[in-house]
């Protein structure tokens, strides 16, 4: 019975480490995303095109809607949906 308890405690420790590592990775990705967006906004002009190679090109565009420009002319609805989202989180 003692071996079963040791086995369970070992896997509980691994679960905690995995959860902590996932949280750390998530925080790093969010920070990297935020810094890259701020860098682009401050240093690159809107609609500027950068050719890197045949597979990688950058164009700075802004989306004024929710997803793919959806509801871009309805700012009040976007603000309302954002407030609901913030409330639930």
Protein backbone atom coordinates (compact mmCIF):
# COMPACT_ATOMS: atom_id res chain seq x y z
CA UNK A 1 0.00 0.00 0.00
CA UNK A 2 2.92 2.31 0.72
CA UNK A 3 4.20 1.84 -2.84
CA UNK A 4 0.85 2.98 -4.25
CA UNK A 5 1.00 6.12 -2.12
CA UNK A 6 4.56 6.87 -3.30
CA UNK A 7 3.50 6.29 -6.89
CA UNK A 8 0.54 8.70 -6.56
CA UNK A 9 2.61 11.36 -4.81
CA UNK A 10 5.29 11.11 -7.50
CA UNK A 11 2.75 11.70 -10.29
CA UNK A 12 1.12 14.55 -8.37
CA UNK A 13 4.51 16.28 -8.21
CA UNK A 14 5.00 15.77 -11.94
CA UNK A 15 1.52 17.21 -12.64
CA UNK A 16 2.34 20.31 -10.61
CA UNK A 17 5.63 20.79 -12.46
CA UNK A 18 3.95 20.34 -15.84
CA UNK A 19 1.25 22.84 -14.95
CA UNK A 20 3.84 25.34 -13.73
CA UNK A 21 5.94 24.91 -16.87
CA UNK A 22 2.87 25.37 -19.08
CA UNK A 23 1.99 28.56 -17.24
CA UNK A 24 5.56 29.86 -17.64
CA UNK A 25 5.54 29.09 -21.37
CA UNK A 26 2.17 30.80 -21.74
CA UNK A 27 3.41 33.92 -19.96
CA UNK A 28 6.55 34.02 -22.11
CA UNK A 29 4.47 33.70 -25.30
CA UNK A 30 2.08 36.46 -24.21
CA UNK A 31 4.99 38.78 -23.39
CA UNK A 32 6.73 37.99 -26.69
CA UNK A 33 3.49 38.69 -28.58
CA UNK A 34 2.97 41.97 -26.76
CA UNK A 35 6.54 43.19 -27.29
CA UNK A 36 6.53 42.24 -30.97
CA UNK A 37 3.24 44.08 -31.55
CA UNK A 38 4.52 47.19 -29.78
CA UNK A 39 7.74 47.06 -31.81
CA UNK A 40 5.84 46.87 -35.09
CA UNK A 41 3.45 49.68 -34.13
CA UNK A 42 6.28 52.02 -33.08
CA UNK A 43 8.84 51.25 -35.80
CA UNK A 44 7.02 50.21 -38.98
CA UNK A 45 4.71 52.30 -41.11
CA UNK A 46 1.20 51.10 -41.89
CA UNK A 47 0.93 49.06 -45.14
CA UNK A 48 4.74 48.79 -45.38
CA UNK A 49 5.82 45.63 -47.20
CA UNK A 50 8.98 43.67 -46.30
CA UNK A 51 10.18 40.91 -48.59
CA UNK A 52 12.35 38.37 -46.76
CA UNK A 53 12.33 35.41 -49.16
CA UNK A 54 9.82 33.40 -51.22
CA UNK A 55 8.19 31.97 -48.09
CA UNK A 56 8.35 34.85 -45.64
CA UNK A 57 7.02 38.36 -46.24
CA UNK A 58 5.75 40.95 -43.78
CA UNK A 59 3.05 43.55 -44.29
CA UNK A 60 1.92 45.77 -41.41
CA UNK A 61 -1.89 45.89 -41.42
CA UNK A 62 -4.41 46.72 -38.72
CA UNK A 63 -7.69 44.92 -38.16
CA UNK A 64 -10.36 47.32 -36.93
CA UNK A 65 -12.99 44.62 -36.50
CA UNK A 66 -13.18 41.51 -34.36
CA UNK A 67 -12.10 38.60 -36.60
CA UNK A 68 -11.13 39.20 -40.22
CA UNK A 69 -12.71 42.65 -40.07
CA UNK A 70 -16.08 41.39 -38.87
CA UNK A 71 -18.18 44.20 -37.32
CA UNK A 72 -15.63 46.88 -38.22
CA UNK A 73 -18.34 49.50 -38.66
CA UNK A 74 -20.07 48.68 -35.35
CA UNK A 75 -17.67 49.95 -32.69
CA UNK A 76 -20.32 50.07 -29.97
CA UNK A 77 -21.02 46.34 -30.40
CA UNK A 78 -17.28 45.59 -30.27
CA UNK A 79 -16.91 47.58 -27.03
CA UNK A 80 -19.94 45.82 -25.55
CA UNK A 81 -18.60 42.36 -26.45
CA UNK A 82 -15.18 43.30 -25.05
CA UNK A 83 -16.72 44.35 -21.74
CA UNK A 84 -18.64 41.08 -21.54
CA UNK A 85 -15.43 39.19 -22.25
CA UNK A 86 -13.53 41.06 -19.54
CA UNK A 87 -16.35 40.48 -17.08
CA UNK A 88 -16.32 36.71 -17.63
CA UNK A 89 -12.54 36.45 -17.36
